[in-house]
PDB file of N, CA and C in Angstrom:
ATOM      1  N   MET A   1      63.096 -26.309 -29.261  1.00  0.00           N
ATOM      2  CA  MET A   1      63.605 -25.802 -28.011  1.00  0.00           C
ATOM      3  C   MET A   1      63.470 -24.234 -28.083  1.00  0.00           C
ATOM      4  N   THR A   2      62.866 -23.640 -27.001  1.00  0.00           N
ATOM      5  CA  THR A   2      62.654 -22.215 -27.113  1.00  0.00           C
ATOM      6  C   THR A   2      63.930 -21.433 -26.591  1.00  0.00           C
ATOM      7  N   LYS A   3      63.966 -20.246 -27.148  1.00  0.00           N
ATOM      8  CA  LYS A   3      65.157 -19.380 -26.779  1.00  0.00           C
ATOM      9  C   LYS A   3      65.079 -18.833 -25.449  1.00  0.00           C
ATOM     10  N   TYR A   4      63.885 -18.436 -25.059  1.00  0.00           N
ATOM     11  CA  TYR A   4      63.728 -17.829 -23.636  1.00  0.00           C
ATOM     12  C   TYR A   4      62.778 -18.767 -22.861  1.00  0.00           C
ATOM     13  N   GLY A   5      63.010 -18.790 -21.552  1.00  0.00           N
ATOM     14  CA  GLY A   5      62.204 -19.494 -20.642  1.00  0.00           C
ATOM     15  C   GLY A   5      60.854 -18.820 -20.432  1.00  0.00           C
ATOM     16  N   PRO A   6      59.881 -19.560 -19.866  1.00  0.00           N
ATOM     17  CA  PRO A   6      58.559 -18.993 -19.717  1.00  0.00           C
ATOM     18  C   PRO A   6      58.586 -17.748 -18.808  1.00  0.00           C
ATOM     19  N   LYS A   7      59.378 -17.733 -17.779  1.00  0.00           N
ATOM     20  CA  LYS A   7      59.383 -16.570 -16.876  1.00  0.00           C
ATOM     21  C   LYS A   7      59.990 -15.383 -17.571  1.00  0.00           C
ATOM     22  N   ALA A   8      61.031 -15.664 -18.379  1.00  0.00           N
ATOM     23  CA  ALA A   8      61.637 -14.541 -19.207  1.00  0.00           C
ATOM     24  C   ALA A   8      60.606 -13.955 -20.231  1.00  0.00           C
ATOM     25  N   GLN A   9      59.861 -14.847 -20.803  1.00  0.00           N
ATOM     26  CA  GLN A   9      58.859 -14.389 -21.732  1.00  0.00           C
ATOM     27  C   GLN A   9      57.799 -13.516 -21.122  1.00  0.00           C
ATOM     28  N   LYS A  10      57.407 -13.885 -19.936  1.00  0.00           N
ATOM     29  CA  LYS A  10      56.413 -13.111 -19.189  1.00  0.00           C
ATOM     30  C   LYS A  10      57.000 -11.707 -18.854  1.00  0.00           C
ATOM     31  N   LYS A  11      58.304 -11.736 -18.443  1.00  0.00           N
ATOM     32  CA  LYS A  11      58.921 -10.497 -18.043  1.00  0.00           C
ATOM     33  C   LYS A  11      59.041  -9.562 -19.235  1.00  0.00           C
ATOM     34  N   ILE A  12      59.396 -10.094 -20.356  1.00  0.00           N
ATOM     35  CA  ILE A  12      59.561  -9.321 -21.615  1.00  0.00           C
ATOM     36  C   ILE A  12      58.175  -8.739 -22.085  1.00  0.00           C
ATOM     37  N   SER A  13      57.145  -9.628 -21.914  1.00  0.00           N
ATOM     38  CA  SER A  13      55.838  -9.303 -22.291  1.00  0.00           C
ATOM     39  C   SER A  13      55.339  -8.124 -21.419  1.00  0.00           C
ATOM     40  N   LYS A  14      55.600  -8.218 -20.144  1.00  0.00           N
ATOM     41  CA  LYS A  14      55.211  -7.171 -19.171  1.00  0.00           C
ATOM     42  C   LYS A  14      55.838  -5.823 -19.516  1.00  0.00           C
ATOM     43  N   VAL A  15      57.137  -5.904 -19.840  1.00  0.00           N
ATOM     44  CA  VAL A  15      57.883  -4.662 -20.155  1.00  0.00           C
ATOM     45  C   VAL A  15      57.379  -4.080 -21.533  1.00  0.00           C
ATOM     46  N   MET A  16      57.021  -4.874 -22.470  1.00  0.00           N
ATOM     47  CA  MET A  16      56.473  -4.446 -23.740  1.00  0.00           C
ATOM     48  C   MET A  16      55.173  -3.830 -23.511  1.00  0.00           C
ATOM     49  N   HIS A  17      54.331  -4.313 -22.606  1.00  0.00           N
ATOM     50  CA  HIS A  17      53.017  -3.800 -22.272  1.00  0.00           C
ATOM     51  C   HIS A  17      53.198  -2.378 -21.710  1.00  0.00           C
ATOM     52  N   GLU A  18      54.191  -2.204 -20.809  1.00  0.00           N
ATOM     53  CA  GLU A  18      54.490  -0.889 -20.301  1.00  0.00           C
ATOM     54  C   GLU A  18      54.964   0.098 -21.412  1.00  0.00           C
ATOM     55  N   PHE A  19      55.749  -0.433 -22.283  1.00  0.00           N
ATOM     56  CA  PHE A  19      56.264   0.395 -23.414  1.00  0.00           C
ATOM     57  C   PHE A  19      55.012   0.836 -24.305  1.00  0.00           C
ATOM     58  N   GLY A  20      54.109  -0.099 -24.482  1.00  0.00           N
ATOM     59  CA  GLY A  20      52.941   0.267 -25.373  1.00  0.00           C
ATOM     60  C   GLY A  20      52.131   1.312 -24.728  1.00  0.00           C
ATOM     61  N   LYS A  21      51.993   1.324 -23.446  1.00  0.00           N
ATOM     62  CA  LYS A  21      51.221   2.347 -22.718  1.00  0.00           C
ATOM     63  C   LYS A  21      52.031   3.643 -22.465  1.00  0.00           C
ATOM     64  N   GLY A  22      53.296   3.594 -22.799  1.00  0.00           N
ATOM     65  CA  GLY A  22      54.137   4.834 -22.629  1.00  0.00           C
ATOM     66  C   GLY A  22      54.618   5.021 -21.216  1.00  0.00           C
ATOM     67  N   LYS A  23      54.641   4.004 -20.409  1.00  0.00           N
ATOM     68  CA  LYS A  23      55.037   4.154 -19.017  1.00  0.00           C
ATOM     69  C   LYS A  23      56.412   3.610 -18.693  1.00  0.00           C
ATOM     70  N   LEU A  24      57.103   3.043 -19.748  1.00  0.00           N
ATOM     71  CA  LEU A  24      58.397   2.437 -19.527  1.00  0.00           C
ATOM     72  C   LEU A  24      59.470   3.522 -19.457  1.00  0.00           C
ATOM     73  N   LYS A  25      60.253   3.488 -18.379  1.00  0.00           N
ATOM     74  CA  LYS A  25      61.281   4.498 -18.144  1.00  0.00           C
ATOM     75  C   LYS A  25      62.671   3.842 -18.296  1.00  0.00           C
ATOM     76  N   SER A  26      63.609   4.654 -18.657  1.00  0.00           N
ATOM     77  CA  SER A  26      65.041   4.214 -18.801  1.00  0.00           C
ATOM     78  C   SER A  26      65.582   4.106 -17.329  1.00  0.00           C
ATOM     79  N   GLY A  27      66.607   3.258 -17.141  1.00  0.00           N
ATOM     80  CA  GLY A  27      67.203   2.966 -15.910  1.00  0.00           C
ATOM     81  C   GLY A  27      67.619   4.146 -15.099  1.00  0.00           C
ATOM     82  N   THR A  28      68.767   4.762 -15.305  1.00  0.00           N
ATOM     83  CA  THR A  28      69.308   5.784 -14.389  1.00  0.00           C
ATOM     84  C   THR A  28      68.737   7.132 -14.722  1.00  0.00           C
ATOM     85  N   SER A  29      68.571   7.409 -15.990  1.00  0.00           N
ATOM     86  CA  SER A  29      68.131   8.798 -16.373  1.00  0.00           C
ATOM     87  C   SER A  29      66.636   8.997 -16.122  1.00  0.00           C
ATOM     88  N   GLY A  30      65.808   7.933 -16.175  1.00  0.00           N
ATOM     89  CA  GLY A  30      64.371   7.971 -15.914  1.00  0.00           C
ATOM     90  C   GLY A  30      63.621   8.587 -17.120  1.00  0.00           C
ATOM     91  N   LYS A  31      64.269   8.702 -18.302  1.00  0.00           N
ATOM     92  CA  LYS A  31      63.545   9.210 -19.461  1.00  0.00           C
ATOM     93  C   LYS A  31      62.677   8.153 -20.013  1.00  0.00           C
ATOM     94  N   LYS A  32      61.669   8.592 -20.771  1.00  0.00           N
ATOM     95  CA  LYS A  32      60.669   7.633 -21.359  1.00  0.00           C
ATOM     96  C   LYS A  32      61.397   6.876 -22.573  1.00  0.00           C
ATOM     97  N   VAL A  33      61.212   5.582 -22.575  1.00  0.00           N
ATOM     98  CA  VAL A  33      61.763   4.798 -23.648  1.00  0.00           C
ATOM     99  C   VAL A  33      60.917   4.919 -24.924  1.00  0.00           C
ATOM    100  N   THR A  34      61.576   5.256 -26.034  1.00  0.00           N
ATOM    101  CA  THR A  34      60.825   5.444 -27.235  1.00  0.00           C
ATOM    102  C   THR A  34      61.114   4.388 -28.345  1.00  0.00           C
ATOM    103  N   SER A  35      62.198   3.641 -28.123  1.00  0.00           N
ATOM    104  CA  SER A  35      62.611   2.594 -29.137  1.00  0.00           C
ATOM    105  C   SER A  35      62.082   1.224 -28.703  1.00  0.00           C
ATOM    106  N   GLN A  36      61.481   0.513 -29.600  1.00  0.00           N
ATOM    107  CA  GLN A  36      60.964  -0.807 -29.299  1.00  0.00           C
ATOM    108  C   GLN A  36      62.159  -1.757 -29.019  1.00  0.00           C
ATOM    109  N   LYS A  37      63.288  -1.656 -29.751  1.00  0.00           N
ATOM    110  CA  LYS A  37      64.411  -2.447 -29.508  1.00  0.00           C
ATOM    111  C   LYS A  37      65.023  -2.223 -28.117  1.00  0.00           C
ATOM    112  N   GLN A  38      64.995  -0.979 -27.643  1.00  0.00           N
ATOM    113  CA  GLN A  38      65.484  -0.589 -26.246  1.00  0.00           C
ATOM    114  C   GLN A  38      64.514  -1.277 -25.252  1.00  0.00           C
ATOM    115  N   ALA A  39      63.242  -1.306 -25.509  1.00  0.00           N
ATOM    116  CA  ALA A  39      62.303  -1.847 -24.550  1.00  0.00           C
ATOM    117  C   ALA A  39      62.547  -3.381 -24.434  1.00  0.00           C
ATOM    118  N   VAL A  40      62.774  -4.027 -25.523  1.00  0.00           N
ATOM    119  CA  VAL A  40      63.053  -5.486 -25.512  1.00  0.00           C
ATOM    120  C   VAL A  40      64.379  -5.706 -24.729  1.00  0.00           C
ATOM    121  N   ALA A  41      65.307  -4.876 -24.979  1.00  0.00           N
ATOM    122  CA  ALA A  41      66.621  -4.981 -24.300  1.00  0.00           C
ATOM    123  C   ALA A  41      66.504  -4.828 -22.791  1.00  0.00           C
ATOM    124  N   ILE A  42      65.655  -3.919 -22.401  1.00  0.00           N
ATOM    125  CA  ILE A  42      65.359  -3.737 -20.923  1.00  0.00           C
ATOM    126  C   ILE A  42      64.715  -4.980 -20.351  1.00  0.00           C
ATOM    127  N   GLY A  43      63.725  -5.512 -21.040  1.00  0.00           N
ATOM    128  CA  GLY A  43      63.070  -6.736 -20.654  1.00  0.00           C
ATOM    129  C   GLY A  43      63.992  -7.891 -20.439  1.00  0.00           C
ATOM    130  N   ILE A  44      64.854  -8.088 -21.431  1.00  0.00           N
ATOM    131  CA  ILE A  44      65.835  -9.205 -21.418  1.00  0.00           C
ATOM    132  C   ILE A  44      66.809  -9.081 -20.264  1.00  0.00           C
ATOM    133  N   SER A  45      67.268  -7.800 -20.065  1.00  0.00           N
ATOM    134  CA  SER A  45      68.258  -7.571 -18.945  1.00  0.00           C
ATOM    135  C   SER A  45      67.633  -7.759 -17.611  1.00  0.00           C
ATOM    136  N   GLU A  46      66.279  -7.360 -17.466  1.00  0.00           N
ATOM    137  CA  GLU A  46      65.658  -7.629 -16.198  1.00  0.00           C
ATOM    138  C   GLU A  46      65.465  -9.092 -15.931  1.00  0.00           C
ATOM    139  N   ALA A  47      65.097  -9.857 -16.973  1.00  0.00           N
ATOM    140  CA  ALA A  47      64.983 -11.251 -16.931  1.00  0.00           C
ATOM    141  C   ALA A  47      66.252 -11.949 -16.519  1.00  0.00           C
ATOM    142  N   ARG A  48      67.321 -11.456 -17.145  1.00  0.00           N
ATOM    143  CA  ARG A  48      68.636 -12.013 -16.867  1.00  0.00           C
ATOM    144  C   ARG A  48      69.034 -11.791 -15.430  1.00  0.00           C
ATOM    145  N   ARG A  49      68.760 -10.575 -14.901  1.00  0.00           N
ATOM    146  CA  ARG A  49      69.096 -10.172 -13.570  1.00  0.00           C
ATOM    147  C   ARG A  49      68.395 -11.094 -12.502  1.00  0.00           C
ATOM    148  N   GLU A  50      67.134 -11.497 -12.894  1.00  0.00           N
ATOM    149  CA  GLU A  50      66.334 -12.328 -12.029  1.00  0.00           C
ATOM    150  C   GLU A  50      66.771 -13.847 -12.174  1.00  0.00           C
ATOM    151  N   GLY A  51      67.556 -14.167 -13.107  1.00  0.00           N
ATOM    152  CA  GLY A  51      68.035 -15.513 -13.257  1.00  0.00           C
ATOM    153  C   GLY A  51      67.217 -16.413 -14.166  1.00  0.00           C
ATOM    154  N   ASP A  52      66.317 -15.799 -14.948  1.00  0.00           N
ATOM    155  CA  ASP A  52      65.530 -16.598 -15.863  1.00  0.00           C
ATOM    156  C   ASP A  52      66.384 -17.101 -17.022  1.00  0.00           C
ATOM    157  N   LYS A  53      65.801 -18.004 -17.791  1.00  0.00           N
ATOM    158  CA  LYS A  53      66.461 -18.646 -18.890  1.00  0.00           C
ATOM    159  C   LYS A  53      66.519 -17.667 -20.110  1.00  0.00           C
ATOM    160  N   VAL A  54      67.621 -17.063 -20.325  1.00  0.00           N
ATOM    161  CA  VAL A  54      67.868 -16.089 -21.418  1.00  0.00           C
ATOM    162  C   VAL A  54      69.210 -16.481 -22.086  1.00  0.00           C
ATOM    163  N   PRO A  55      69.345 -16.406 -23.418  1.00  0.00           N
ATOM    164  CA  PRO A  55      70.600 -16.661 -23.993  1.00  0.00           C
ATOM    165  C   PRO A  55      71.727 -15.687 -23.540  1.00  0.00           C
ATOM    166  N   ARG A  56      72.949 -16.198 -23.619  1.00  0.00           N
ATOM    167  CA  ARG A  56      74.098 -15.365 -23.305  1.00  0.00           C
ATOM    168  C   ARG A  56      74.225 -14.110 -24.159  1.00  0.00           C
ATOM    169  N   GLN A  57      74.805 -13.025 -23.631  1.00  0.00           N
ATOM    170  CA  GLN A  57      75.054 -11.839 -24.358  1.00  0.00           C
ATOM    171  C   GLN A  57      76.065 -12.077 -25.453  1.00  0.00           C
ATOM    172  N   ASN A  58      76.117 -11.276 -26.440  1.00  0.00           N
ATOM    173  CA  ASN A  58      77.032 -11.375 -27.567  1.00  0.00           C
ATOM    174  C   ASN A  58      78.440 -10.975 -26.990  1.00  0.00           C
ATOM    175  N   ARG A  59      79.354 -11.900 -27.159  1.00  0.00           N
ATOM    176  CA  ARG A  59      80.697 -11.674 -26.549  1.00  0.00           C
ATOM    177  C   ARG A  59      81.466 -10.416 -27.233  1.00  0.00           C
ATOM    178  N   MET A  60      81.121 -10.126 -28.506  1.00  0.00           N
ATOM    179  CA  MET A  60      81.787  -9.010 -29.152  1.00  0.00           C
ATOM    180  C   MET A  60      81.352  -7.710 -28.541  1.00  0.00           C
ATOM    181  N   ILE A  61      80.111  -7.610 -28.132  1.00  0.00           N
ATOM    182  CA  ILE A  61      79.661  -6.360 -27.462  1.00  0.00           C
ATOM    183  C   ILE A  61      80.396  -6.212 -26.095  1.00  0.00           C
ATOM    184  N   ASP A  62      80.584  -7.322 -25.359  1.00  0.00           N
ATOM    185  CA  ASP A  62      81.250  -7.274 -24.108  1.00  0.00           C
ATOM    186  C   ASP A  62      82.690  -6.861 -24.289  1.00  0.00           C
ATOM    187  N   LYS A  63      83.299  -7.361 -25.273  1.00  0.00           N
ATOM    188  CA  LYS A  63      84.787  -6.986 -25.577  1.00  0.00           C
ATOM    189  C   LYS A  63      84.855  -5.496 -25.836  1.00  0.00           C
ATOM    190  N   LYS A  64      83.921  -4.946 -26.759  1.00  0.00           N
ATOM    191  CA  LYS A  64      83.968  -3.540 -27.021  1.00  0.00           C
ATOM    192  C   LYS A  64      83.781  -2.658 -25.761  1.00  0.00           C
ATOM    193  N   ARG A  65      82.860  -3.115 -24.943  1.00  0.00           N
ATOM    194  CA  ARG A  65      82.592  -2.394 -23.692  1.00  0.00           C
ATOM    195  C   ARG A  65      83.812  -2.350 -22.756  1.00  0.00           C
ATOM    196  N   LEU A  66      84.487  -3.511 -22.703  1.00  0.00           N
ATOM    197  CA  LEU A  66      85.687  -3.634 -21.918  1.00  0.00           C
ATOM    198  C   LEU A  66      86.816  -2.784 -22.433  1.00  0.00           C
ATOM    199  N   LEU A  67      86.947  -2.816 -23.767  1.00  0.00           N
ATOM    200  CA  LEU A  67      88.016  -1.965 -24.351  1.00  0.00           C
ATOM    201  C   LEU A  67      87.760  -0.480 -24.105  1.00  0.00           C
ATOM    202  N   ARG A  68      86.477  -0.057 -24.118  1.00  0.00           N
ATOM    203  CA  ARG A  68      86.174   1.349 -23.839  1.00  0.00           C
ATOM    204  C   ARG A  68      86.536   1.682 -22.436  1.00  0.00           C
ATOM    205  N   LYS A  69      86.289   0.799 -21.547  1.00  0.00           N
ATOM    206  CA  LYS A  69      86.502   1.022 -20.101  1.00  0.00           C
ATOM    207  C   LYS A  69      88.043   1.090 -19.786  1.00  0.00           C
ATOM    208  N   THR A  70      88.856   0.291 -20.507  1.00  0.00           N
ATOM    209  CA  THR A  70      90.233   0.179 -20.220  1.00  0.00           C
ATOM    210  C   THR A  70      91.134   1.013 -21.191  1.00  0.00           C
ATOM    211  N   ASP A  71      90.499   1.722 -22.099  1.00  0.00           N
ATOM    212  CA  ASP A  71      91.208   2.455 -23.154  1.00  0.00           C
ATOM    213  C   ASP A  71      92.049   3.523 -22.487  1.00  0.00           C
ATOM    214  N   HIS A  72      91.590   4.196 -21.474  1.00  0.00           N
ATOM    215  CA  HIS A  72      92.362   5.280 -20.817  1.00  0.00           C
ATOM    216  C   HIS A  72      93.580   4.714 -20.071  1.00  0.00           C
ATOM    217  N   LEU A  73      93.529   3.375 -19.742  1.00  0.00           N
ATOM    218  CA  LEU A  73      94.726   2.867 -19.056  1.00  0.00           C
ATOM    219  C   LEU A  73      95.814   2.497 -20.053  1.00  0.00           C
ATOM    220  N   THR A  74      95.490   2.170 -21.253  1.00  0.00           N
ATOM    221  CA  THR A  74      96.479   1.732 -22.206  1.00  0.00           C
ATOM    222  C   THR A  74      97.074   2.906 -23.093  1.00  0.00           C
ATOM    223  N   ARG A  75      96.239   4.008 -23.164  1.00  0.00           N
ATOM    224  CA  ARG A  75      96.655   5.180 -23.950  1.00  0.00           C
ATOM    225  C   ARG A  75      97.876   5.843 -23.244  1.00  0.00           C
ATOM    226  N   PRO A  76      98.925   6.329 -24.012  1.00  0.00           N
ATOM    227  CA  PRO A  76     100.015   7.019 -23.357  1.00  0.00           C
ATOM    228  C   PRO A  76      99.539   8.309 -22.784  1.00  0.00           C
ATOM    229  N   PRO A  77     100.119   8.704 -21.655  1.00  0.00           N
ATOM    230  CA  PRO A  77      99.636   9.925 -20.985  1.00  0.00           C
ATOM    231  C   PRO A  77      99.983  11.143 -21.764  1.00  0.00           C
ATOM    232  N   ARG A  78      99.247  12.205 -21.702  1.00  0.00           N
ATOM    233  CA  ARG A  78      99.534  13.480 -22.375  1.00  0.00           C
ATOM    234  C   ARG A  78     100.581  14.185 -21.624  1.00  0.00           C
ATOM    235  N   LEU A  79     101.556  14.797 -22.408  1.00  0.00           N
ATOM    236  CA  LEU A  79     102.560  15.541 -21.781  1.00  0.00           C
ATOM    237  C   LEU A  79     102.033  17.002 -21.598  1.00  0.00           C
ATOM    238  N   GLU A  80     102.326  17.558 -20.388  1.00  0.00           N
ATOM    239  CA  GLU A  80     101.795  18.900 -20.176  1.00  0.00           C
ATOM    240  C   GLU A  80     102.738  19.915 -20.824  1.00  0.00           C
ATOM    241  N   GLY A  81     102.146  20.962 -21.355  1.00  0.00           N
ATOM    242  CA  GLY A  81     102.986  21.992 -22.002  1.00  0.00           C
ATOM    243  C   GLY A  81     103.298  21.715 -23.488  1.00  0.00           C
ATOM    244  N   VAL A  82     102.860  20.580 -24.019  1.00  0.00           N
ATOM    245  CA  VAL A  82     103.077  20.253 -25.455  1.00  0.00           C
ATOM    246  C   VAL A  82     102.003  20.961 -26.242  1.00  0.00           C
ATOM    247  N   VAL A  83     102.438  21.664 -27.331  1.00  0.00           N
ATOM    248  CA  VAL A  83     101.460  22.384 -28.155  1.00  0.00           C
ATOM    249  C   VAL A  83     100.749  21.330 -29.010  1.00  0.00           C
ATOM    250  N   LYS A  84      99.403  21.509 -29.129  1.00  0.00           N
ATOM    251  CA  LYS A  84      98.607  20.594 -29.837  1.00  0.00           C
ATOM    252  C   LYS A  84      98.890  20.539 -31.357  1.00  0.00           C
ATOM    253  N   ASN A  85      99.112  21.826 -31.916  1.00  0.00           N
ATOM    254  CA  ASN A  85      99.386  21.872 -33.299  1.00  0.00           C
ATOM    255  C   ASN A  85     100.856  21.470 -33.528  1.00  0.00           C
ATOM    256  N   LYS A  86     101.101  20.393 -34.227  1.00  0.00           N
ATOM    257  CA  LYS A  86     102.395  19.817 -34.384  1.00  0.00           C
ATOM    258  C   LYS A  86     103.378  20.742 -35.141  1.00  0.00           C
ATOM    259  N   MET A  87     102.874  21.538 -36.038  1.00  0.00           N
ATOM    260  CA  MET A  87     103.610  22.509 -36.771  1.00  0.00           C
ATOM    261  C   MET A  87     104.245  23.606 -35.899  1.00  0.00           C
ATOM    262  N   MET A  88     103.512  23.952 -34.834  1.00  0.00           N
ATOM    263  CA  MET A  88     103.964  25.015 -33.941  1.00  0.00           C
ATOM    264  C   MET A  88     104.841  24.491 -32.832  1.00  0.00           C
ATOM    265  N   ASN A  89     104.953  23.166 -32.654  1.00  0.00           N
ATOM    266  CA  ASN A  89     105.718  22.591 -31.590  1.00  0.00           C
ATOM    267  C   ASN A  89     107.237  22.903 -31.883  1.00  0.00           C
ATOM    268  N   PRO A  90     107.940  23.553 -30.908  1.00  0.00           N
ATOM    269  CA  PRO A  90     109.258  23.976 -31.168  1.00  0.00           C
ATOM    270  C   PRO A  90     110.289  22.783 -31.431  1.00  0.00           C
ATOM    271  N   ILE A  91     109.979  21.626 -30.809  1.00  0.00           N
ATOM    272  CA  ILE A  91     110.832  20.504 -31.020  1.00  0.00           C
ATOM    273  C   ILE A  91     110.676  20.068 -32.446  1.00  0.00           C
ATOM    274  N   ARG A  92     109.446  19.941 -32.922  1.00  0.00           N
ATOM    275  CA  ARG A  92     109.167  19.522 -34.351  1.00  0.00           C
ATOM    276  C   ARG A  92     109.817  20.531 -35.310  1.00  0.00           C
ATOM    277  N   LYS A  93     109.658  21.818 -35.015  1.00  0.00           N
ATOM    278  CA  LYS A  93     110.254  22.844 -35.895  1.00  0.00           C
ATOM    279  C   LYS A  93     111.746  22.617 -36.073  1.00  0.00           C
ATOM    280  N   LYS A  94     112.392  22.390 -34.941  1.00  0.00           N
ATOM    281  CA  LYS A  94     113.829  22.117 -34.924  1.00  0.00           C
ATOM    282  C   LYS A  94     114.228  20.947 -35.793  1.00  0.00           C
ATOM    283  N   LYS A  95     113.446  19.819 -35.622  1.00  0.00           N
ATOM    284  CA  LYS A  95     113.744  18.653 -36.422  1.00  0.00           C
ATOM    285  C   LYS A  95     113.522  18.927 -37.847  1.00  0.00           C
ATOM    286  N   MET A  96     112.456  19.659 -38.178  1.00  0.00           N
ATOM    287  CA  MET A  96     112.188  19.986 -39.485  1.00  0.00           C
ATOM    288  C   MET A  96     113.255  20.827 -40.245  1.00  0.00           C
ATOM    289  N   SER A  97     113.719  21.791 -39.457  1.00  0.00           N
ATOM    290  CA  SER A  97     114.821  22.667 -39.989  1.00  0.00           C
ATOM    291  C   SER A  97     116.107  21.845 -40.212  1.00  0.00           C
ATOM    292  N   GLU A  98     116.376  20.951 -39.331  1.00  0.00           N
ATOM    293  CA  GLU A  98     117.574  20.085 -39.469  1.00  0.00           C
ATOM    294  C   GLU A  98     117.444  19.180 -40.662  1.00  0.00           C
ATOM    295  N   SER A  99     116.264  18.624 -40.917  1.00  0.00           N
ATOM    296  CA  SER A  99     116.034  17.755 -42.122  1.00  0.00           C
ATOM    297  C   SER A  99     116.114  18.534 -43.344  1.00  0.00           C
ATOM    298  N   LYS A 100     115.698  19.737 -43.362  1.00  0.00           N
ATOM    299  CA  LYS A 100     115.796  20.585 -44.593  1.00  0.00           C
ATOM    300  C   LYS A 100     117.206  20.903 -44.931  1.00  0.00           C
ATOM    301  N   LYS A 101     118.034  21.182 -43.834  1.00  0.00           N
ATOM    302  CA  LYS A 101     119.458  21.477 -44.043  1.00  0.00           C
ATOM    303  C   LYS A 101     120.172  20.217 -44.637  1.00  0.00           C
ATOM    304  N   GLU A 102     119.828  19.039 -44.170  1.00  0.00           N
ATOM    305  CA  GLU A 102     120.405  17.834 -44.669  1.00  0.00           C
ATOM    306  C   GLU A 102     120.063  17.553 -46.039  1.00  0.00           C
ATOM    307  N   SER A 103     118.779  17.833 -46.463  1.00  0.00           N
ATOM    308  CA  SER A 103     118.372  17.584 -47.777  1.00  0.00           C
ATOM    309  C   SER A 103     119.031  18.581 -48.801  1.00  0.00           C
ATOM    310  N   LYS A 104     119.360  19.761 -48.346  1.00  0.00           N
ATOM    311  CA  LYS A 104     120.062  20.678 -49.217  1.00  0.00           C
ATOM    312  C   LYS A 104     121.470  20.327 -49.522  1.00  0.00           C
ATOM    313  N   LYS A 105     122.141  19.625 -48.659  1.00  0.00           N
ATOM    314  CA  LYS A 105     123.555  19.195 -48.867  1.00  0.00           C
ATOM    315  C   LYS A 105     123.676  18.165 -49.878  1.00  0.00           C
TER     316      LYS A 105
END
């Protein structure tokens, strides 16, 4: 049983031919593709878009992509006016001075 359908194989073959001639461009940026792996990935994604027989994508990659997209939603918001250097933060200084006093007793 083949991994890719005949239409998908033709599509990938066509994309690799473009890559070999140096005419294959990246999607949104339009830069010339220099990596053979990237060229194959472009061919597979185009075949998948057209509905050809191509194996499913790796679920782990999809999960990482989803986490990157939703990371800003789960991260706690930054407080305005908080000093980045924790040692210079007046609240932290106060706590540190109180803990030093307690340790001296």
